[in-house]
Amino acid sequence: LSGLLQTNDKVALKEITRQLRLENVVEDKVFGSFAENLAFLLEALRKGDRTSSCPVLFILDEFDLFVHHKNQTLLYNLFDISQSAQTPVTVIGLTCRQDILELLEKRVKSRFSHRQIYLMNSFDFKQYIRIFKEQLSLPTEFPDESFAQKWNNNVQHLSEDKTVQDMLQTLFHYTKDLRSLHLLLMLAVSNVTVHHPLITASDLHEASKQYRMDSKANIVHGLSVLEICLIIAMKHLNDVYEGEPFNFQMVYNEFQKFIQRKAHCMYNFEKPVVMKAFEHLLQLELVKPIERPSVRAQREYLLMKLLLDNNQIMDALQAYPNCPTDVKQWAASSLSWL
């Protein structure tokens, strides 16, 4: 089962039924609830004993996604049956998250064997290039032999291309996780059409740009000018106080200094309006409170931290449509005028 495909227990149950070929048995029965359906399937697995039963191996890919299913019912029942001495069942979870045990409910964790095997990628860059070729190449049994040959020759040329190698080396140094390589190749292959049948180096470079796209910087592109100004005010506070936390009142004061200095380019918003814009940045998780706010705490004085660095802010401003020149200059300005 894959956590990406079996997004809830009901879908997972359907897939288990299909793979165990129990559709005909299930079709004739009417189940009052999901729990009954699951109980029936598990009962079908329980029939027989260690000698006559066929062993069942459950492999749960993207195991961390199954943890988010409601009440972890599927995991609980699978672990429970694997512990019983009747049907030989083994459950293997595959995940990149090392904190997975922290996400398991107590009752599920108690039924887990706590056997963990860590697999680290130890290949070098030459092997990485070979994996790149293997993942992209078409198999010998591909129906259209002439196309497969053209495609595979093209893949060979790509693997020898200096610009492609440089781009792959950057990804290799960033992460050896093959899922990152698969995502990159998936983005590149999605450009293939009847009129563009072979992948080019520029397809891979475009995919690399998409892969490395900064999601937080993208959020900044959709902000209002007022919200941009608040982020710039926080940037200046970070520079002045060397990353120390700030509160809304400090950000508001900083914004007021800018308004008084460049009164002609920005409307002087009322404080409640500025507060609402600030709260929107909180919702977007561009700003984060240092500690959970208490009921009595005044919102203006809660300590906050900006979750964008200076480079992200400046890059986002360059791409921000119709950003006032004064606002850009304020972002890039030194601290001498403060």
Protein backbone atom coordinates (compact mmCIF):
# COMPACT_ATOMS: atom_id res chain seq x y z
CA LEU A 1 0.00 0.00 0.00
CA SER A 2 1.16 3.55 -0.63
CA GLY A 3 0.30 6.47 1.62
CA LEU A 4 0.14 8.68 -1.47
CA LEU A 5 -2.59 6.51 -3.06
CA GLN A 6 -4.45 5.01 -0.11
CA THR A 7 -5.31 8.35 1.47
CA ASN A 8 -7.72 6.97 4.06
CA ASP A 9 -8.52 3.64 5.72
CA LYS A 10 -11.53 2.99 3.47
CA VAL A 11 -9.46 3.26 0.27
CA ALA A 12 -6.70 1.13 1.86
CA LEU A 13 -9.26 -1.53 2.79
CA LYS A 14 -10.54 -1.64 -0.79
CA GLU A 15 -7.00 -2.12 -2.06
CA ILE A 16 -6.29 -4.90 0.49
CA THR A 17 -9.54 -6.63 -0.61
CA ARG A 18 -8.45 -6.39 -4.27
CA GLN A 19 -4.93 -7.71 -3.66
CA LEU A 20 -6.15 -10.61 -1.48
CA ARG A 21 -8.79 -11.38 -4.15
CA LEU A 22 -11.64 -11.29 -1.66
CA GLU A 23 -13.93 -9.04 -3.78
CA ASN A 24 -16.43 -11.85 -4.47
CA VAL A 25 -16.68 -12.72 -0.78
CA VAL A 26 -17.10 -9.07 0.22
CA GLU A 27 -19.61 -8.24 -2.56
CA ASP A 28 -22.33 -10.52 -1.15
CA LYS A 29 -22.02 -9.12 2.36
CA VAL A 30 -23.52 -5.87 3.62
CA PHE A 31 -21.40 -4.20 6.29
CA GLY A 32 -22.92 -1.80 8.77
CA SER A 33 -19.68 0.07 9.28
CA PHE A 34 -16.06 0.37 8.28
CA ALA A 35 -15.08 -1.51 11.46
CA GLU A 36 -17.24 -4.53 10.45
CA ASN A 37 -15.70 -4.62 6.98
CA LEU A 38 -12.20 -4.51 8.45
CA ALA A 39 -13.10 -7.19 11.02
CA PHE A 40 -14.38 -9.47 8.24
CA LEU A 41 -11.19 -9.07 6.18
CA LEU A 42 -8.99 -9.67 9.19
CA GLU A 43 -11.06 -12.73 10.04
CA ALA A 44 -10.40 -14.00 6.50
CA LEU A 45 -6.68 -13.58 7.21
CA ARG A 46 -7.00 -15.36 10.54
CA LYS A 47 -8.40 -18.58 9.07
CA GLY A 48 -6.07 -21.54 9.19
CA ASP A 49 -2.89 -21.96 11.16
CA ARG A 50 0.85 -21.41 10.77
CA THR A 51 1.28 -24.52 8.63
CA SER A 52 -1.65 -24.21 6.20
CA SER A 53 -2.04 -20.41 5.92
CA CYS A 54 -0.41 -18.41 3.16
CA PRO A 55 1.81 -15.74 4.73
CA VAL A 56 0.84 -12.13 3.98
CA LEU A 57 3.44 -9.36 3.73
CA PHE A 58 2.13 -5.80 4.04
CA ILE A 59 4.53 -3.13 2.76
CA LEU A 60 3.35 0.36 3.68
CA ASP A 61 5.21 2.87 1.51
CA GLU A 62 5.14 6.51 2.74
CA PHE A 63 4.33 5.04 6.16
CA ASP A 64 4.21 8.49 7.80
CA LEU A 65 1.09 9.33 5.75
CA PHE A 66 -0.81 6.33 7.20
CA VAL A 67 -0.17 7.76 10.66
CA HIS A 68 -2.44 10.70 9.77
CA HIS A 69 -5.42 8.44 9.03
CA LYS A 70 -8.29 8.88 11.49
CA ASN A 71 -7.54 7.14 14.81
CA GLN A 72 -4.77 5.08 13.08
CA THR A 73 -7.37 2.27 12.90
CA LEU A 74 -5.72 0.43 9.99
CA LEU A 75 -2.26 0.47 11.58
CA TYR A 76 -3.67 -0.66 14.93
CA ASN A 77 -5.46 -3.64 13.38
CA LEU A 78 -2.56 -4.65 11.13
CA PHE A 79 -0.08 -4.54 14.01
CA ASP A 80 -2.56 -6.35 16.23
CA ILE A 81 -3.03 -9.24 13.81
CA SER A 82 0.73 -9.49 13.14
CA GLN A 83 1.22 -10.00 16.90
CA SER A 84 -1.33 -12.84 17.06
CA ALA A 85 -0.09 -16.41 16.62
CA GLN A 86 -2.64 -17.35 13.93
CA THR A 87 -2.14 -15.97 10.40
CA PRO A 88 1.51 -15.30 9.53
CA VAL A 89 1.41 -11.55 8.80
CA THR A 90 4.35 -9.15 8.67
CA VAL A 91 3.99 -5.38 8.32
CA ILE A 92 6.91 -3.31 6.99
CA GLY A 93 6.69 0.49 6.98
CA LEU A 94 8.95 2.55 4.70
CA THR A 95 9.49 6.21 5.56
CA CYS A 96 12.08 8.98 5.45
CA ARG A 97 10.94 10.36 8.82
CA GLN A 98 13.15 9.35 11.71
CA ASP A 99 10.68 10.69 14.28
CA ILE A 100 7.94 8.32 13.10
CA LEU A 101 7.59 6.57 16.49
CA GLU A 102 6.64 9.90 18.08
CA LEU A 103 3.67 10.11 15.72
CA LEU A 104 2.21 6.71 16.65
CA GLU A 105 -0.64 6.53 19.14
CA LYS A 106 0.14 4.74 22.39
CA ARG A 107 -1.98 1.68 21.58
CA VAL A 108 -0.38 1.38 18.11
CA LYS A 109 3.14 1.87 19.46
CA SER A 110 2.62 -0.89 22.04
CA ARG A 111 1.87 -3.37 19.23
CA PHE A 112 4.88 -2.36 17.13
CA SER A 113 7.94 -4.61 17.39
CA HIS A 114 10.24 -1.52 17.63
CA ARG A 115 12.56 -3.10 15.09
CA GLN A 116 13.99 -0.31 12.95
CA ILE A 117 16.47 -0.60 10.09
CA TYR A 118 18.18 2.59 8.91
CA LEU A 119 19.26 2.61 5.26
CA MET A 120 21.64 5.37 4.23
CA ASN A 121 22.58 6.12 0.62
CA SER A 122 26.31 5.55 0.25
CA PHE A 123 26.72 5.86 -3.53
CA ASP A 124 29.13 8.35 -5.13
CA PHE A 125 28.37 10.79 -7.97
CA LYS A 126 29.34 8.30 -10.73
CA GLN A 127 26.77 5.84 -9.38
CA TYR A 128 24.27 8.69 -9.09
CA ILE A 129 24.69 9.41 -12.82
CA ARG A 130 24.18 5.69 -13.52
CA ILE A 131 20.97 5.76 -11.43
CA PHE A 132 19.88 8.85 -13.40
CA LYS A 133 20.32 6.89 -16.67
CA GLU A 134 18.60 3.75 -15.32
CA GLN A 135 15.59 5.71 -14.11
CA LEU A 136 15.12 7.47 -17.45
CA SER A 137 15.96 4.62 -19.85
CA LEU A 138 13.22 2.58 -21.50
CA PRO A 139 13.35 -1.24 -21.03
CA THR A 140 14.27 -3.62 -23.86
CA GLU A 141 10.70 -5.00 -23.98
CA PHE A 142 9.29 -1.52 -24.81
CA PRO A 143 6.86 -2.02 -27.76
CA ASP A 144 8.34 0.66 -30.06
CA GLU A 145 11.95 -0.48 -30.43
CA SER A 146 13.14 2.33 -32.69
CA PHE A 147 11.73 5.01 -30.37
CA ALA A 148 13.21 3.26 -27.32
CA GLN A 149 16.63 3.30 -29.00
CA LYS A 150 16.34 7.02 -29.84
CA TRP A 151 15.16 7.77 -26.30
CA ASN A 152 17.96 5.78 -24.65
CA ASN A 153 20.62 7.35 -26.91
CA ASN A 154 19.27 10.76 -25.92
CA VAL A 155 19.44 9.82 -22.22
CA GLN A 156 23.09 8.75 -22.74
CA HIS A 157 23.90 12.14 -24.35
CA LEU A 158 22.16 13.97 -21.49
CA SER A 159 24.21 12.07 -18.90
CA GLU A 160 27.42 13.22 -20.68
CA ASP A 161 26.27 16.85 -21.05
CA LYS A 162 28.39 19.15 -18.83
CA THR A 163 25.51 21.47 -17.88
CA VAL A 164 23.27 18.50 -16.94
CA GLN A 165 26.10 16.98 -14.87
CA ASP A 166 26.62 20.29 -13.04
CA MET A 167 22.91 20.53 -12.28
CA LEU A 168 22.80 16.91 -11.04
CA GLN A 169 25.91 17.51 -8.93
CA THR A 170 24.19 20.45 -7.22
CA LEU A 171 21.20 18.22 -6.42
CA PHE A 172 23.52 15.38 -5.31
CA HIS A 173 25.31 17.67 -2.83
CA TYR A 174 21.99 19.04 -1.61
CA THR A 175 20.40 15.62 -1.01
CA LYS A 176 21.19 12.02 -1.96
CA ASP A 177 17.54 11.10 -1.44
CA LEU A 178 16.41 9.43 -4.67
CA ARG A 179 12.88 10.77 -4.24
CA SER A 180 14.31 14.22 -5.05
CA LEU A 181 15.83 12.84 -8.25
CA HIS A 182 12.53 11.12 -9.14
CA LEU A 183 10.63 14.38 -8.62
CA LEU A 184 13.10 16.26 -10.82
CA LEU A 185 12.80 13.65 -13.60
CA MET A 186 9.01 13.57 -13.28
CA LEU A 187 8.88 17.34 -13.83
CA ALA A 188 11.15 17.02 -16.88
CA VAL A 189 9.29 14.02 -18.40
CA SER A 190 5.96 15.84 -18.05
CA ASN A 191 7.17 18.19 -20.83
CA VAL A 192 7.31 15.33 -23.35
CA THR A 193 4.68 15.64 -26.10
CA VAL A 194 4.15 14.30 -29.63
CA HIS A 195 5.91 17.40 -31.00
CA HIS A 196 8.61 17.34 -28.30
CA PRO A 197 9.31 13.59 -27.96
CA LEU A 198 12.74 13.71 -26.27
CA ILE A 199 13.90 15.35 -23.04
CA THR A 200 16.41 18.17 -23.50
CA ALA A 201 18.95 19.73 -21.13
CA SER A 202 16.75 22.85 -20.93
CA ASP A 203 13.80 20.66 -19.77
CA LEU A 204 15.97 19.40 -16.92
CA HIS A 205 17.13 22.92 -16.02
CA GLU A 206 13.53 24.18 -16.02
CA ALA A 207 12.54 21.24 -13.80
CA SER A 208 15.46 22.05 -11.49
CA LYS A 209 14.22 25.66 -11.18
CA GLN A 210 10.71 24.42 -10.35
CA TYR A 211 12.09 21.93 -7.83
CA ARG A 212 14.17 24.54 -6.04
CA MET A 213 11.43 27.17 -6.09
CA ASP A 214 11.13 28.81 -2.71
CA SER A 215 7.54 28.33 -1.47
CA LYS A 216 7.82 31.13 1.11
CA ALA A 217 9.10 33.59 -1.50
CA ASN A 218 6.13 32.57 -3.69
CA ILE A 219 3.73 33.44 -0.86
CA VAL A 220 5.33 36.92 -0.66
CA HIS A 221 4.38 37.52 -4.32
CA GLY A 222 0.70 37.35 -3.34
CA LEU A 223 0.87 39.81 -0.42
CA SER A 224 -0.49 43.36 -0.38
CA VAL A 225 1.95 46.32 -0.40
CA LEU A 226 1.08 46.99 3.27
CA GLU A 227 2.02 43.40 4.20
CA ILE A 228 5.25 43.73 2.20
CA CYS A 229 6.04 46.90 4.16
CA LEU A 230 5.52 45.06 7.46
CA ILE A 231 7.91 42.31 6.34
CA ILE A 232 10.51 44.96 5.42
CA ALA A 233 10.01 46.61 8.83
CA MET A 234 10.67 43.22 10.47
CA LYS A 235 13.74 42.75 8.26
CA HIS A 236 15.16 46.06 9.53
CA LEU A 237 14.37 45.13 13.14
CA ASN A 238 16.21 41.82 12.62
CA ASP A 239 19.22 43.73 11.28
CA VAL A 240 19.21 46.27 14.12
CA TYR A 241 18.65 43.79 16.95
CA GLU A 242 20.66 40.96 15.34
CA GLY A 243 17.81 38.46 15.08
CA GLU A 244 16.29 39.11 18.51
CA PRO A 245 12.47 38.62 18.65
CA PHE A 246 10.21 41.65 18.15
CA ASN A 247 6.55 42.51 18.78
CA PHE A 248 3.82 44.13 16.69
CA GLN A 249 4.27 47.53 18.37
CA MET A 250 7.94 47.64 17.30
CA VAL A 251 6.98 46.69 13.72
CA TYR A 252 4.25 49.36 13.70
CA ASN A 253 6.70 52.04 14.94
CA GLU A 254 9.16 51.03 12.21
CA PHE A 255 6.42 51.27 9.59
CA GLN A 256 5.41 54.74 10.90
CA LYS A 257 9.02 55.97 10.50
CA PHE A 258 8.92 54.92 6.84
CA ILE A 259 5.50 56.60 6.27
CA GLN A 260 6.71 59.88 7.81
CA ARG A 261 9.87 59.79 5.71
CA LYS A 262 8.15 58.84 2.42
CA ALA A 263 4.63 60.19 3.08
CA HIS A 264 3.81 60.67 -0.63
CA CYS A 265 4.20 57.03 -1.70
CA MET A 266 2.20 55.17 0.97
CA TYR A 267 -1.17 55.72 2.58
CA ASN A 268 -0.96 55.98 6.38
CA PHE A 269 -3.19 53.09 7.46
CA GLU A 270 -5.02 53.05 10.79
CA LYS A 271 -3.42 50.87 13.46
CA PRO A 272 -6.25 48.22 13.49
CA VAL A 273 -5.82 47.79 9.70
CA VAL A 274 -2.06 47.30 10.13
CA MET A 275 -2.78 44.81 12.94
CA LYS A 276 -5.10 42.83 10.63
CA ALA A 277 -2.37 42.68 7.96
CA PHE A 278 0.10 41.49 10.60
CA GLU A 279 -2.31 38.73 11.70
CA HIS A 280 -2.61 37.62 8.06
CA LEU A 281 1.20 37.15 7.98
CA LEU A 282 0.82 35.03 11.13
CA GLN A 283 -1.79 32.84 9.42
CA LEU A 284 0.51 32.38 6.42
CA GLU A 285 3.27 31.28 8.86
CA LEU A 286 5.68 33.95 7.61
CA VAL A 287 5.80 35.17 11.23
CA LYS A 288 5.72 32.91 14.27
CA PRO A 289 5.08 33.64 17.98
CA ILE A 290 8.00 32.65 20.23
CA GLU A 291 5.64 31.08 22.77
CA ARG A 292 1.96 30.18 22.92
CA PRO A 293 -0.01 33.37 23.71
CA SER A 294 -1.95 33.41 27.00
CA VAL A 295 -5.52 34.72 27.17
CA ARG A 296 -4.49 37.86 29.06
CA ALA A 297 -1.50 38.76 26.88
CA GLN A 298 -1.83 41.93 24.80
CA ARG A 299 -1.47 41.05 21.13
CA GLU A 300 0.69 44.11 20.40
CA TYR A 301 3.41 42.93 22.78
CA LEU A 302 3.65 39.20 21.94
CA LEU A 303 7.21 38.33 20.92
CA MET A 304 7.51 37.16 17.31
CA LYS A 305 10.11 35.82 14.90
CA LEU A 306 10.28 36.37 11.13
CA LEU A 307 10.55 33.10 9.17
CA LEU A 308 12.12 34.69 6.07
CA ASP A 309 15.78 35.56 5.67
CA ASN A 310 17.07 38.72 3.95
CA ASN A 311 17.89 36.94 0.67
CA GLN A 312 14.38 35.48 0.40
CA ILE A 313 12.85 38.91 1.02
CA MET A 314 15.05 40.68 -1.55
CA ASP A 315 14.55 37.95 -4.20
CA ALA A 316 10.77 38.04 -3.66
CA LEU A 317 10.73 41.85 -3.98
CA GLN A 318 12.57 41.69 -7.29
CA ALA A 319 9.79 39.48 -8.67
CA TYR A 320 6.94 41.34 -6.91
CA PRO A 321 4.62 42.91 -9.54
CA ASN A 322 4.27 46.72 -9.44
CA CYS A 323 6.16 47.16 -6.19
CA PRO A 324 6.58 50.92 -5.43
CA THR A 325 10.19 52.05 -5.96
CA ASP A 326 10.33 53.71 -2.52
CA VAL A 327 9.37 50.41 -0.87
CA LYS A 328 12.14 48.57 -2.77
CA GLN A 329 14.65 51.27 -1.81
CA TRP A 330 13.54 51.04 1.83
CA ALA A 331 14.14 47.27 1.78
CA ALA A 332 17.61 47.71 0.30
CA SER A 333 18.54 50.75 2.39
CA SER A 334 21.20 50.73 5.06
CA LEU A 335 20.32 51.40 8.68
CA SER A 336 21.90 54.86 8.77
CA TRP A 337 18.57 56.72 8.49
CA LEU A 338 16.94 54.97 11.48
